[in-house]
């Protein structure tokens, strides 16, 4: 185990010292409704191989509290931790500031959420400055094995009302 950890540390040290296109970032989220509240944080680190291919890994922590409709029932709290590696293909760039991409993600539940999912998530990225980028993911399609719900199988989610927004700092 110590050797594996040392190899991972040396690999990341090599990536960061090679003037590579490394970026860090992530997203914050909150949803507040009458009987439901949730907060999430999703840090990520990634590496751009070239203008089209990137690889990244993220972790996501979510806390949710569900208030029952009947006052005599107790509320329910859940803590979720998941690992979210993905490969990004940048399909095209629009001018110098925008690019369209597709993320092939794997979602693996670690705490209070078991199962896994493999999804394809389209999006658009806006390079605000040389170092700061905002990425917006809209909907997803893929296969769920108990990660998003109790059912296993293929699904399509086209909810454009709640896109995923991420901010990145490019080294």
Protein backbone atom coordinates (compact mmCIF):
# COMPACT_ATOMS: atom_id res chain seq x y z
CA UNK A 1 0.00 0.00 0.00
CA UNK A 2 2.88 2.37 0.79
CA UNK A 3 4.43 1.69 -2.61
CA UNK A 4 1.16 2.43 -4.39
CA UNK A 5 0.79 5.70 -2.49
CA UNK A 6 4.38 6.66 -3.36
CA UNK A 7 3.78 5.93 -7.06
CA UNK A 8 0.64 8.11 -7.06
CA UNK A 9 2.47 10.98 -5.31
CA UNK A 10 5.38 10.80 -7.77
CA UNK A 11 2.99 10.71 -10.74
CA UNK A 12 1.16 13.83 -9.55
CA UNK A 13 4.47 15.57 -8.82
CA UNK A 14 5.60 14.82 -12.36
CA UNK A 15 2.36 16.14 -13.82
CA UNK A 16 2.52 19.40 -11.87
CA UNK A 17 6.19 20.08 -12.68
CA UNK A 18 5.98 19.35 -16.41
CA UNK A 19 4.13 22.61 -17.25
CA UNK A 20 1.14 20.51 -18.17
CA UNK A 21 -2.43 21.70 -18.52
CA UNK A 22 -3.51 20.83 -14.99
CA UNK A 23 -6.65 22.34 -13.52
CA UNK A 24 -8.43 22.23 -10.19
CA UNK A 25 -11.91 23.33 -9.31
CA UNK A 26 -15.34 21.99 -8.71
CA UNK A 27 -18.78 23.12 -7.72
CA UNK A 28 -21.08 23.97 -4.85
CA UNK A 29 -24.78 23.31 -4.82
CA UNK A 30 -27.84 23.85 -2.69
CA UNK A 31 -31.51 23.04 -3.03
CA UNK A 32 -34.01 24.45 -0.56
CA UNK A 33 -37.68 23.56 -0.69
CA UNK A 34 -40.46 23.41 1.87
CA UNK A 35 -39.83 19.81 2.95
CA UNK A 36 -36.37 19.23 1.50
CA UNK A 37 -32.93 20.83 1.92
CA UNK A 38 -29.60 19.72 0.45
CA UNK A 39 -26.05 21.07 0.23
CA UNK A 40 -23.27 19.59 -1.88
CA UNK A 41 -19.60 20.22 -2.59
CA UNK A 42 -17.69 18.64 -5.48
CA UNK A 43 -13.92 19.27 -5.78
CA UNK A 44 -12.12 18.07 -8.93
CA UNK A 45 -8.62 17.84 -10.39
CA UNK A 46 -7.95 17.26 -14.06
CA UNK A 47 -5.35 17.06 -16.77
CA UNK A 48 -5.62 18.15 -20.42
CA UNK A 49 -3.68 15.90 -22.80
CA UNK A 50 -4.29 18.17 -25.80
CA UNK A 51 -7.00 20.49 -27.18
CA UNK A 52 -9.56 17.67 -27.38
CA UNK A 53 -8.97 15.17 -24.55
CA UNK A 54 -9.00 15.69 -20.79
CA UNK A 55 -9.21 13.35 -17.83
CA UNK A 56 -10.37 14.26 -14.33
CA UNK A 57 -11.46 12.83 -11.03
CA UNK A 58 -13.83 14.41 -8.56
CA UNK A 59 -15.38 13.59 -5.25
CA UNK A 60 -18.83 14.70 -4.23
CA UNK A 61 -20.23 15.11 -0.73
CA UNK A 62 -23.92 15.83 -0.21
CA UNK A 63 -25.99 16.37 2.91
CA UNK A 64 -29.77 16.29 2.69
CA UNK A 65 -32.58 16.70 5.19
CA UNK A 66 -36.08 15.54 4.39
CA UNK A 67 -38.90 16.89 6.55
CA UNK A 68 -41.98 14.67 6.64
CA UNK A 69 -45.38 16.00 5.68
CA UNK A 70 -46.83 14.88 9.02
CA UNK A 71 -45.43 16.74 12.08
CA UNK A 72 -45.46 13.65 14.30
CA UNK A 73 -42.89 11.89 12.08
CA UNK A 74 -39.15 12.48 12.49
CA UNK A 75 -37.09 14.11 9.78
CA UNK A 76 -34.55 12.09 7.84
CA UNK A 77 -30.94 13.08 7.14
CA UNK A 78 -28.59 11.50 4.62
CA UNK A 79 -24.88 11.95 3.92
CA UNK A 80 -23.60 10.87 0.52
CA UNK A 81 -20.01 10.54 -0.64
CA UNK A 82 -19.16 9.45 -4.16
CA UNK A 83 -16.20 9.23 -6.50
CA UNK A 84 -16.71 10.70 -9.98
CA UNK A 85 -13.94 10.13 -12.55
CA UNK A 86 -14.55 11.25 -16.12
CA UNK A 87 -13.05 11.67 -19.56
CA UNK A 88 -13.88 14.87 -21.45
CA UNK A 89 -13.89 15.19 -25.22
CA UNK A 90 -13.91 18.80 -26.44
CA UNK A 91 -15.78 18.54 -29.74
CA UNK A 92 -15.31 22.07 -31.02
CA UNK A 93 -14.38 25.59 -30.00
CA UNK A 94 -16.38 28.69 -30.80
CA UNK A 95 -14.04 31.65 -31.09
CA UNK A 96 -11.45 31.88 -28.31
CA UNK A 97 -13.83 31.75 -25.35
CA UNK A 98 -16.34 28.88 -25.76
CA UNK A 99 -16.10 25.15 -26.34
CA UNK A 100 -18.63 22.32 -26.59
CA UNK A 101 -17.76 19.10 -24.79
CA UNK A 102 -18.99 15.65 -23.80
CA UNK A 103 -18.09 14.01 -20.47
CA UNK A 104 -18.12 10.24 -20.12
CA UNK A 105 -18.46 9.83 -16.36
CA UNK A 106 -18.44 7.02 -13.87
CA UNK A 107 -20.24 7.65 -10.58
CA UNK A 108 -19.46 5.32 -7.67
CA UNK A 109 -21.32 5.59 -4.36
CA UNK A 110 -19.14 5.25 -1.26
CA UNK A 111 -21.19 6.31 1.79
CA UNK A 112 -24.98 5.91 2.22
CA UNK A 113 -25.33 5.50 -1.54
CA UNK A 114 -24.24 2.25 -3.09
CA UNK A 115 -24.22 1.37 -6.72
CA UNK A 116 -22.69 2.96 -9.76
CA UNK A 117 -23.65 4.75 -12.95
CA UNK A 118 -22.01 5.44 -16.30
CA UNK A 119 -23.28 8.58 -18.03
CA UNK A 120 -22.68 10.83 -21.01
CA UNK A 121 -23.05 14.52 -20.12
CA UNK A 122 -22.92 17.26 -22.77
CA UNK A 123 -21.91 20.79 -21.88
CA UNK A 124 -20.40 24.12 -22.80
CA UNK A 125 -17.31 25.75 -21.30
CA UNK A 126 -16.54 29.47 -21.13
CA UNK A 127 -12.90 30.47 -20.73
CA UNK A 128 -13.33 33.77 -18.90
CA UNK A 129 -9.59 34.47 -18.59
CA UNK A 130 -6.35 32.65 -19.27
CA UNK A 131 -6.67 30.82 -15.95
CA UNK A 132 -10.42 30.73 -15.10
CA UNK A 133 -13.00 28.55 -16.84
CA UNK A 134 -16.68 27.94 -16.12
CA UNK A 135 -18.27 24.72 -17.38
CA UNK A 136 -22.00 24.06 -17.64
CA UNK A 137 -23.37 20.51 -17.99
CA UNK A 138 -26.93 20.05 -19.28
CA UNK A 139 -28.73 16.76 -18.61
CA UNK A 140 -27.30 13.28 -19.01
CA UNK A 141 -27.98 9.84 -20.41
CA UNK A 142 -26.55 6.53 -19.37
CA UNK A 143 -26.87 3.35 -17.35
CA UNK A 144 -27.77 3.32 -13.65
CA UNK A 145 -27.04 0.39 -11.35
CA UNK A 146 -28.63 1.61 -8.11
CA UNK A 147 -26.79 4.95 -7.97
CA UNK A 148 -29.48 7.49 -8.88
CA UNK A 149 -32.43 5.36 -7.80
CA UNK A 150 -33.61 1.88 -6.96
CA UNK A 151 -34.13 0.82 -10.57
CA UNK A 152 -31.36 -0.56 -12.76
CA UNK A 153 -31.26 0.26 -16.45
CA UNK A 154 -30.78 2.93 -19.06
CA UNK A 155 -32.15 6.43 -18.51
CA UNK A 156 -32.30 9.91 -20.00
CA UNK A 157 -32.44 13.10 -17.92
CA UNK A 158 -32.98 16.32 -19.88
CA UNK A 159 -33.59 18.66 -16.94
CA UNK A 160 -32.35 21.98 -18.34
CA UNK A 161 -33.70 23.87 -15.33
CA UNK A 162 -30.84 22.74 -13.05
CA UNK A 163 -27.54 22.53 -14.93
CA UNK A 164 -24.32 21.59 -13.18
CA UNK A 165 -22.00 24.59 -12.97
CA UNK A 166 -18.29 24.13 -12.27
CA UNK A 167 -15.45 26.63 -11.91
CA UNK A 168 -11.84 25.68 -12.72
CA UNK A 169 -8.44 27.27 -12.30
CA UNK A 170 -6.02 26.32 -15.08
CA UNK A 171 -2.32 26.24 -14.19
